[in-house]
C-alpha atoms as a PDB file:
ATOM      1  CA  MET A   1      62.953  24.445 179.939  1.00  0.00           C
ATOM      2  CA  LYS A   2      63.154  27.973 181.166  1.00  0.00           C
ATOM      3  CA  LYS A   3      61.557  30.658 178.904  1.00  0.00           C
ATOM      4  CA  GLY A   4      64.227  32.553 176.695  1.00  0.00           C
ATOM      5  CA  ILE A   5      66.644  29.628 176.659  1.00  0.00           C
ATOM      6  CA  ILE A   6      67.106  27.950 173.323  1.00  0.00           C
ATOM      7  CA  THR A   7      68.576  24.518 173.926  1.00  0.00           C
ATOM      8  CA  PHE A   8      70.485  22.548 171.437  1.00  0.00           C
ATOM      9  CA  ALA A   9      67.524  20.056 170.842  1.00  0.00           C
ATOM     10  CA  SER A  10      65.328  23.301 170.315  1.00  0.00           C
ATOM     11  CA  LEU A  11      67.801  24.388 167.465  1.00  0.00           C
ATOM     12  CA  LEU A  12      67.601  20.955 165.859  1.00  0.00           C
ATOM     13  CA  MET A  13      63.825  21.172 165.810  1.00  0.00           C
ATOM     14  CA  ILE A  14      63.815  24.537 164.313  1.00  0.00           C
ATOM     15  CA  SER A  15      66.312  23.500 161.602  1.00  0.00           C
ATOM     16  CA  ALA A  16      64.424  20.176 160.882  1.00  0.00           C
ATOM     17  CA  SER A  17      61.169  22.178 160.321  1.00  0.00           C
ATOM     18  CA  ALA A  18      62.969  24.156 157.690  1.00  0.00           C
ATOM     19  CA  PHE A  19      63.316  20.953 155.511  1.00  0.00           C
ATOM     20  CA  ALA A  20      59.652  20.660 155.114  1.00  0.00           C
ATOM     21  CA  GLN A  21      59.378  24.008 153.658  1.00  0.00           C
ATOM     22  CA  MET A  22      61.908  24.013 150.805  1.00  0.00           C
ATOM     23  CA  THR A  23      64.705  22.264 148.951  1.00  0.00           C
ATOM     24  CA  CYS A  24      68.206  22.998 150.221  1.00  0.00           C
ATOM     25  CA  VAL A  25      71.343  23.623 148.377  1.00  0.00           C
ATOM     26  CA  VAL A  26      74.589  22.153 149.614  1.00  0.00           C
ATOM     27  CA  ALA A  27      77.784  23.018 147.749  1.00  0.00           C
ATOM     28  CA  HIS A  28      79.798  20.143 147.217  1.00  0.00           C
ATOM     29  CA  ARG A  29      83.306  20.274 148.756  1.00  0.00           C
ATOM     30  CA  GLY A  30      82.452  23.959 148.993  1.00  0.00           C
ATOM     31  CA  TYR A  31      81.791  26.267 146.180  1.00  0.00           C
ATOM     32  CA  TRP A  32      85.090  25.492 144.429  1.00  0.00           C
ATOM     33  CA  ASP A  33      84.246  25.710 140.827  1.00  0.00           C
ATOM     34  CA  THR A  34      84.697  29.665 140.652  1.00  0.00           C
ATOM     35  CA  ASP A  35      87.629  31.827 140.414  1.00  0.00           C
ATOM     36  CA  GLY A  36      90.190  31.712 143.279  1.00  0.00           C
ATOM     37  CA  SER A  37      88.720  28.612 144.815  1.00  0.00           C
ATOM     38  CA  ALA A  38      89.614  25.112 145.170  1.00  0.00           C
ATOM     39  CA  GLN A  39      87.776  21.888 146.318  1.00  0.00           C
ATOM     40  CA  ASN A  40      87.800  21.694 150.090  1.00  0.00           C
ATOM     41  CA  SER A  41      89.698  25.044 150.686  1.00  0.00           C
ATOM     42  CA  ILE A  42      88.776  27.534 153.033  1.00  0.00           C
ATOM     43  CA  ARG A  43      88.000  30.046 150.235  1.00  0.00           C
ATOM     44  CA  ALA A  44      85.553  27.357 148.976  1.00  0.00           C
ATOM     45  CA  LEU A  45      83.683  27.407 152.270  1.00  0.00           C
ATOM     46  CA  VAL A  46      83.629  31.392 152.134  1.00  0.00           C
ATOM     47  CA  LYS A  47      82.242  31.332 148.471  1.00  0.00           C
ATOM     48  CA  ALA A  48      79.424  28.978 149.710  1.00  0.00           C
ATOM     49  CA  ASP A  49      78.593  31.433 152.078  1.00  0.00           C
ATOM     50  CA  SER A  50      78.788  34.482 149.556  1.00  0.00           C
ATOM     51  CA  ILE A  51      75.989  33.015 147.482  1.00  0.00           C
ATOM     52  CA  GLY A  52      73.580  31.902 150.305  1.00  0.00           C
ATOM     53  CA  CYS A  53      73.979  28.125 150.331  1.00  0.00           C
ATOM     54  CA  TYR A  54      72.145  26.292 152.994  1.00  0.00           C
ATOM     55  CA  GLY A  55      75.321  24.258 153.637  1.00  0.00           C
ATOM     56  CA  SER A  56      78.781  23.447 152.592  1.00  0.00           C
ATOM     57  CA  GLU A  57      80.146  19.861 152.362  1.00  0.00           C
ATOM     58  CA  PHE A  58      83.861  18.846 152.935  1.00  0.00           C
ATOM     59  CA  ASP A  59      85.797  15.834 153.723  1.00  0.00           C
ATOM     60  CA  VAL A  60      87.988  14.911 156.777  1.00  0.00           C
ATOM     61  CA  TRP A  61      90.698  12.452 157.415  1.00  0.00           C
ATOM     62  CA  LEU A  62      92.960  11.615 160.656  1.00  0.00           C
ATOM     63  CA  THR A  63      96.504  11.448 159.994  1.00  0.00           C
ATOM     64  CA  ALA A  64      98.871   8.920 161.329  1.00  0.00           C
ATOM     65  CA  ASP A  65      99.740  11.415 164.253  1.00  0.00           C
ATOM     66  CA  LYS A  66      95.993  12.077 164.984  1.00  0.00           C
ATOM     67  CA  LYS A  67      95.616  15.532 163.284  1.00  0.00           C
ATOM     68  CA  LEU A  68      92.395  16.154 161.415  1.00  0.00           C
ATOM     69  CA  VAL A  69      92.688  17.500 157.872  1.00  0.00           C
ATOM     70  CA  VAL A  70      90.437  18.422 155.154  1.00  0.00           C
ATOM     71  CA  ASN A  71      90.768  16.542 151.757  1.00  0.00           C
ATOM     72  CA  HIS A  72      88.624  14.504 149.542  1.00  0.00           C
ATOM     73  CA  ASP A  73      91.147  11.981 148.291  1.00  0.00           C
ATOM     74  CA  ALA A  74      93.245   9.461 150.517  1.00  0.00           C
ATOM     75  CA  ASP A  75      96.320  10.865 148.967  1.00  0.00           C
ATOM     76  CA  ILE A  76      97.385  14.382 148.121  1.00  0.00           C
ATOM     77  CA  ASN A  77     100.359  14.740 145.678  1.00  0.00           C
ATOM     78  CA  GLY A  78     101.473  11.169 146.662  1.00  0.00           C
ATOM     79  CA  VAL A  79     101.061  11.562 150.422  1.00  0.00           C
ATOM     80  CA  HIS A  80      98.929   9.009 152.023  1.00  0.00           C
ATOM     81  CA  ILE A  81      96.994  10.802 154.682  1.00  0.00           C
ATOM     82  CA  GLU A  82      95.829   8.205 157.023  1.00  0.00           C
ATOM     83  CA  THR A  83      99.513   6.952 157.364  1.00  0.00           C
ATOM     84  CA  SER A  84     101.434  10.087 156.982  1.00  0.00           C
ATOM     85  CA  LYS A  85     102.311  12.679 159.653  1.00  0.00           C
ATOM     86  CA  ALA A  86     100.290  15.921 159.758  1.00  0.00           C
ATOM     87  CA  LYS A  87     103.398  18.147 158.981  1.00  0.00           C
ATOM     88  CA  ASP A  88     103.690  16.367 155.499  1.00  0.00           C
ATOM     89  CA  VAL A  89     100.028  16.404 154.601  1.00  0.00           C
ATOM     90  CA  LEU A  90      99.817  20.406 155.668  1.00  0.00           C
ATOM     91  CA  ALA A  91     102.631  21.113 153.422  1.00  0.00           C
ATOM     92  CA  GLN A  92     100.778  20.282 150.393  1.00  0.00           C
ATOM     93  CA  LYS A  93      99.142  22.866 148.126  1.00  0.00           C
ATOM     94  CA  LEU A  94      95.887  22.962 146.722  1.00  0.00           C
ATOM     95  CA  ARG A  95      94.755  24.293 143.306  1.00  0.00           C
ATOM     96  CA  ASN A  96      94.311  27.932 144.505  1.00  0.00           C
ATOM     97  CA  GLY A  97      97.639  28.067 146.330  1.00  0.00           C
ATOM     98  CA  GLU A  98      96.041  27.222 149.917  1.00  0.00           C
ATOM     99  CA  ASN A  99      97.536  24.663 152.161  1.00  0.00           C
ATOM    100  CA  VAL A 100      95.616  21.633 152.896  1.00  0.00           C
ATOM    101  CA  PRO A 101      93.464  23.106 155.904  1.00  0.00           C
ATOM    102  CA  THR A 102      93.240  21.477 159.318  1.00  0.00           C
ATOM    103  CA  LEU A 103      89.621  20.761 160.654  1.00  0.00           C
ATOM    104  CA  GLU A 104      90.235  23.411 163.320  1.00  0.00           C
ATOM    105  CA  GLN A 105      91.045  26.186 160.597  1.00  0.00           C
ATOM    106  CA  TYR A 106      87.918  25.053 158.923  1.00  0.00           C
ATOM    107  CA  LEU A 107      85.515  25.230 161.945  1.00  0.00           C
ATOM    108  CA  ASP A 108      87.126  28.405 163.046  1.00  0.00           C
ATOM    109  CA  GLN A 109      86.353  30.039 159.632  1.00  0.00           C
ATOM    110  CA  SER A 110      82.877  28.829 159.840  1.00  0.00           C
ATOM    111  CA  LEU A 111      82.112  30.682 162.960  1.00  0.00           C
ATOM    112  CA  SER A 112      81.782  34.070 160.925  1.00  0.00           C
ATOM    113  CA  LEU A 113      79.687  32.231 158.295  1.00  0.00           C
ATOM    114  CA  LYS A 114      76.196  31.159 157.814  1.00  0.00           C
ATOM    115  CA  PRO A 115      76.030  27.972 155.934  1.00  0.00           C
ATOM    116  CA  ARG A 116      75.601  24.430 157.804  1.00  0.00           C
ATOM    117  CA  LEU A 117      78.803  22.434 157.956  1.00  0.00           C
ATOM    118  CA  ILE A 118      78.081  19.155 156.255  1.00  0.00           C
ATOM    119  CA  LEU A 119      81.079  16.995 157.355  1.00  0.00           C
ATOM    120  CA  GLU A 120      82.022  13.864 155.558  1.00  0.00           C
ATOM    121  CA  LEU A 121      84.351  11.446 157.453  1.00  0.00           C
ATOM    122  CA  LYS A 122      86.095   9.438 155.045  1.00  0.00           C
ATOM    123  CA  ALA A 123      86.256   5.636 155.280  1.00  0.00           C
ATOM    124  CA  HIS A 124      89.675   4.906 157.005  1.00  0.00           C
ATOM    125  CA  GLN A 125      91.252   1.573 156.310  1.00  0.00           C
ATOM    126  CA  ASP A 126      92.011   1.501 160.143  1.00  0.00           C
ATOM    127  CA  LYS A 127      88.460   1.206 161.859  1.00  0.00           C
ATOM    128  CA  LYS A 128      90.039   2.001 165.231  1.00  0.00           C
ATOM    129  CA  HIS A 129      91.748   5.174 163.572  1.00  0.00           C
ATOM    130  CA  GLU A 130      88.345   5.929 162.179  1.00  0.00           C
ATOM    131  CA  GLU A 131      86.690   5.942 165.682  1.00  0.00           C
ATOM    132  CA  GLU A 132      89.411   7.967 167.169  1.00  0.00           C
ATOM    133  CA  ALA A 133      88.555  10.472 164.161  1.00  0.00           C
ATOM    134  CA  VAL A 134      84.804  10.344 165.313  1.00  0.00           C
ATOM    135  CA  LEU A 135      85.578  11.327 168.808  1.00  0.00           C
ATOM    136  CA  ALA A 136      88.222  13.902 167.981  1.00  0.00           C
ATOM    137  CA  ILE A 137      85.711  15.495 165.400  1.00  0.00           C
ATOM    138  CA  LEU A 138      83.090  15.787 168.020  1.00  0.00           C
ATOM    139  CA  LYS A 139      85.308  17.243 170.398  1.00  0.00           C
ATOM    140  CA  LEU A 140      86.480  19.916 168.286  1.00  0.00           C
ATOM    141  CA  VAL A 141      82.827  20.670 167.274  1.00  0.00           C
ATOM    142  CA  LYS A 142      81.748  21.083 170.691  1.00  0.00           C
ATOM    143  CA  ALA A 143      84.719  23.111 172.038  1.00  0.00           C
ATOM    144  CA  ARG A 144      83.609  25.658 169.109  1.00  0.00           C
ATOM    145  CA  ASN A 145      79.728  25.265 170.054  1.00  0.00           C
ATOM    146  CA  LEU A 146      79.068  24.254 166.668  1.00  0.00           C
ATOM    147  CA  GLU A 147      76.979  21.282 167.661  1.00  0.00           C
ATOM    148  CA  ALA A 148      73.742  22.809 166.344  1.00  0.00           C
ATOM    149  CA  ASN A 149      75.306  23.844 163.045  1.00  0.00           C
ATOM    150  CA  ILE A 150      76.631  20.741 161.513  1.00  0.00           C
ATOM    151  CA  GLU A 151      75.630  17.418 159.980  1.00  0.00           C
ATOM    152  CA  TYR A 152      77.636  14.319 159.458  1.00  0.00           C
ATOM    153  CA  ILE A 153      77.733  12.107 156.290  1.00  0.00           C
ATOM    154  CA  THR A 154      79.849   9.094 155.711  1.00  0.00           C
ATOM    155  CA  PHE A 155      80.203   6.037 153.351  1.00  0.00           C
ATOM    156  CA  SER A 156      81.709   4.142 156.363  1.00  0.00           C
ATOM    157  CA  LYS A 157      78.697   2.022 158.189  1.00  0.00           C
ATOM    158  CA  GLU A 158      81.018   1.923 161.326  1.00  0.00           C
ATOM    159  CA  ALA A 159      81.591   5.512 161.197  1.00  0.00           C
ATOM    160  CA  PHE A 160      77.752   6.095 160.713  1.00  0.00           C
ATOM    161  CA  GLN A 161      77.088   4.077 163.633  1.00  0.00           C
ATOM    162  CA  ASN A 162      79.938   5.615 165.762  1.00  0.00           C
ATOM    163  CA  PHE A 163      78.576   9.070 164.998  1.00  0.00           C
ATOM    164  CA  ILE A 164      75.177   8.118 166.064  1.00  0.00           C
ATOM    165  CA  LYS A 165      76.499   6.440 169.204  1.00  0.00           C
ATOM    166  CA  TYR A 166      78.747   9.335 170.391  1.00  0.00           C
ATOM    167  CA  ALA A 167      77.150  12.526 169.240  1.00  0.00           C
ATOM    168  CA  PRO A 168      74.418  14.398 171.023  1.00  0.00           C
ATOM    169  CA  LYS A 169      71.170  12.829 170.698  1.00  0.00           C
ATOM    170  CA  GLY A 170      69.514  14.275 167.763  1.00  0.00           C
ATOM    171  CA  THR A 171      72.439  15.143 165.671  1.00  0.00           C
ATOM    172  CA  PRO A 172      71.810  14.724 162.025  1.00  0.00           C
ATOM    173  CA  VAL A 173      73.911  11.925 160.765  1.00  0.00           C
ATOM    174  CA  PHE A 174      73.319  10.292 157.297  1.00  0.00           C
ATOM    175  CA  TYR A 175      74.723   7.328 155.409  1.00  0.00           C
ATOM    176  CA  LEU A 176      76.121   7.633 151.777  1.00  0.00           C
ATOM    177  CA  SER A 177      76.748   4.321 150.482  1.00  0.00           C
ATOM    178  CA  GLY A 178      73.089   3.430 149.174  1.00  0.00           C
ATOM    179  CA  ASP A 179      72.858  -0.309 150.162  1.00  0.00           C
ATOM    180  CA  LEU A 180      70.303   0.412 153.249  1.00  0.00           C
ATOM    181  CA  SER A 181      66.735   0.926 153.070  1.00  0.00           C
ATOM    182  CA  PRO A 182      64.971   3.914 154.917  1.00  0.00           C
ATOM    183  CA  ARG A 183      63.812   1.399 157.383  1.00  0.00           C
ATOM    184  CA  GLU A 184      67.118   0.162 158.022  1.00  0.00           C
ATOM    185  CA  ILE A 185      68.456   3.792 158.437  1.00  0.00           C
ATOM    186  CA  LYS A 186      65.665   4.656 160.837  1.00  0.00           C
ATOM    187  CA  GLU A 187      66.285   1.496 163.036  1.00  0.00           C
ATOM    188  CA  MET A 188      69.873   2.312 163.268  1.00  0.00           C
ATOM    189  CA  GLY A 189      69.038   5.938 164.411  1.00  0.00           C
ATOM    190  CA  GLY A 190      70.156   7.730 161.368  1.00  0.00           C
ATOM    191  CA  ALA A 191      68.587  11.117 160.386  1.00  0.00           C
ATOM    192  CA  GLY A 192      67.933   9.981 156.723  1.00  0.00           C
ATOM    193  CA  ILE A 193      69.448   8.926 153.589  1.00  0.00           C
ATOM    194  CA  ASP A 194      72.236  10.868 151.603  1.00  0.00           C
ATOM    195  CA  TYR A 195      72.408   8.879 148.325  1.00  0.00           C
ATOM    196  CA  HIS A 196      73.664   9.278 144.787  1.00  0.00           C
ATOM    197  CA  TYR A 197      70.858  10.354 142.790  1.00  0.00           C
ATOM    198  CA  LYS A 198      71.017   7.513 140.441  1.00  0.00           C
ATOM    199  CA  VAL A 199      70.326   5.401 143.378  1.00  0.00           C
ATOM    200  CA  LEU A 200      67.127   7.489 144.034  1.00  0.00           C
ATOM    201  CA  LYS A 201      66.172   7.033 140.639  1.00  0.00           C
ATOM    202  CA  LYS A 202      66.312   3.261 140.772  1.00  0.00           C
ATOM    203  CA  ASN A 203      64.345   3.206 144.206  1.00  0.00           C
ATOM    204  CA  PRO A 204      62.002   6.505 144.001  1.00  0.00           C
ATOM    205  CA  TRP A 205      59.746   4.932 146.480  1.00  0.00           C
ATOM    206  CA  TRP A 206      62.573   5.592 149.020  1.00  0.00           C
ATOM    207  CA  ILE A 207      61.806   9.198 149.055  1.00  0.00           C
ATOM    208  CA  ASP A 208      58.169   8.917 150.239  1.00  0.00           C
ATOM    209  CA  GLU A 209      59.068   5.998 152.578  1.00  0.00           C
ATOM    210  CA  CYS A 210      61.746   8.246 154.134  1.00  0.00           C
ATOM    211  CA  HIS A 211      59.395  11.141 154.447  1.00  0.00           C
ATOM    212  CA  ALA A 212      56.744   8.467 156.029  1.00  0.00           C
ATOM    213  CA  LEU A 213      59.391   7.711 158.669  1.00  0.00           C
ATOM    214  CA  ASN A 214      60.102  11.331 159.200  1.00  0.00           C
ATOM    215  CA  LEU A 215      63.565  10.927 157.736  1.00  0.00           C
ATOM    216  CA  ARG A 216      65.316  13.437 155.353  1.00  0.00           C
ATOM    217  CA  VAL A 217      66.385  12.626 151.777  1.00  0.00           C
ATOM    218  CA  ASN A 218      69.576  14.152 150.358  1.00  0.00           C
ATOM    219  CA  ALA A 219      71.088  13.414 146.967  1.00  0.00           C
ATOM    220  CA  TRP A 220      74.577  13.887 145.691  1.00  0.00           C
ATOM    221  CA  THR A 221      76.356  14.986 143.435  1.00  0.00           C
ATOM    222  CA  VAL A 222      73.635  16.383 141.099  1.00  0.00           C
ATOM    223  CA  ASN A 223      75.124  18.790 138.419  1.00  0.00           C
ATOM    224  CA  LYS A 224      73.007  18.459 135.318  1.00  0.00           C
ATOM    225  CA  GLU A 225      69.725  20.743 135.173  1.00  0.00           C
ATOM    226  CA  LYS A 226      67.599  17.685 134.141  1.00  0.00           C
ATOM    227  CA  ASP A 227      68.665  15.749 137.013  1.00  0.00           C
ATOM    228  CA  MET A 228      68.222  18.595 139.560  1.00  0.00           C
ATOM    229  CA  GLN A 229      64.758  19.071 138.139  1.00  0.00           C
ATOM    230  CA  TRP A 230      64.067  15.287 138.834  1.00  0.00           C
ATOM    231  CA  CYS A 231      65.073  15.569 142.410  1.00  0.00           C
ATOM    232  CA  ILE A 232      63.160  18.717 142.864  1.00  0.00           C
ATOM    233  CA  LYS A 233      59.946  17.160 141.376  1.00  0.00           C
ATOM    234  CA  HIS A 234      60.191  13.876 143.434  1.00  0.00           C
ATOM    235  CA  GLY A 235      60.708  15.887 146.733  1.00  0.00           C
ATOM    236  CA  VAL A 236      64.361  15.567 147.516  1.00  0.00           C
ATOM    237  CA  ASP A 237      64.917  17.668 150.580  1.00  0.00           C
ATOM    238  CA  ILE A 238      68.772  18.673 150.033  1.00  0.00           C
ATOM    239  CA  ILE A 239      70.477  18.461 147.009  1.00  0.00           C
ATOM    240  CA  THR A 240      74.373  18.452 146.913  1.00  0.00           C
ATOM    241  CA  THR A 241      75.984  19.996 143.693  1.00  0.00           C
ATOM    242  CA  ASN A 242      79.131  21.334 142.084  1.00  0.00           C
ATOM    243  CA  ALA A 243      77.041  23.881 140.471  1.00  0.00           C
ATOM    244  CA  PRO A 244      75.093  25.573 143.319  1.00  0.00           C
ATOM    245  CA  GLU A 245      74.078  28.839 141.552  1.00  0.00           C
ATOM    246  CA  LEU A 246      72.365  26.754 138.777  1.00  0.00           C
ATOM    247  CA  LEU A 247      70.407  24.980 141.361  1.00  0.00           C
ATOM    248  CA  GLN A 248      69.534  27.998 143.272  1.00  0.00           C
ATOM    249  CA  GLN A 249      68.232  29.684 139.993  1.00  0.00           C
ATOM    250  CA  LEU A 250      66.063  26.658 139.276  1.00  0.00           C
ATOM    251  CA  LEU A 251      64.420  26.708 142.673  1.00  0.00           C
ATOM    252  CA  LEU A 252      63.674  30.493 142.109  1.00  0.00           C
ATOM    253  CA  GLU A 253      61.943  29.650 139.031  1.00  0.00           C
ATOM    254  CA  LYS A 254      59.721  26.794 140.890  1.00  0.00           C
END
């Protein structure tokens, strides 16, 4: 490697080393529980940046006519995203008055912000359509030179495997469903587990097992102080929450 050139792999190594030093805060669906914001809105991404979150999580679907859009539920205002045209989905309003954003709009906004993008691809009913979504996401991310600032999460085992297969080597990909052991995740090529905190409470040894395997441990969606404290005490690397400012305060008091 030539002196002075920072490669994609180098950036990933730098990012990974940070996790050994502190618990990181991810705003769930952006920082939406605040004035003027809404879940998965552009405003929520900007607000997550304004309070210094490590990352901002958001959800992605592929419409019937192959447009990537940002929304949590499979339906919005009665419009089923996966089987509807983009024009019908994008016409829908969020709680704060914004229209449903496209992934392009979301990525473009992120270019001027600091938080890492925690992109959740929702499990699609049509797995071929879901694979097309993976490929389309990776293409958009590459075109904007955001490969070193994004992590992928999904409940879909197929999407998990496809992100590992198609993304640049070393891209952080996490599985959400909670039904695979750390060793299985390692063997599949994942970066770690991103499980509901109740799954981790039932299997606390998984945290140490992940770290022994050089995997990261993420917990979602942790909103109560007592649960945040449990995750911090047990060495969870990343905590996804609807109350990012509360979690930040607890980490400052450590």
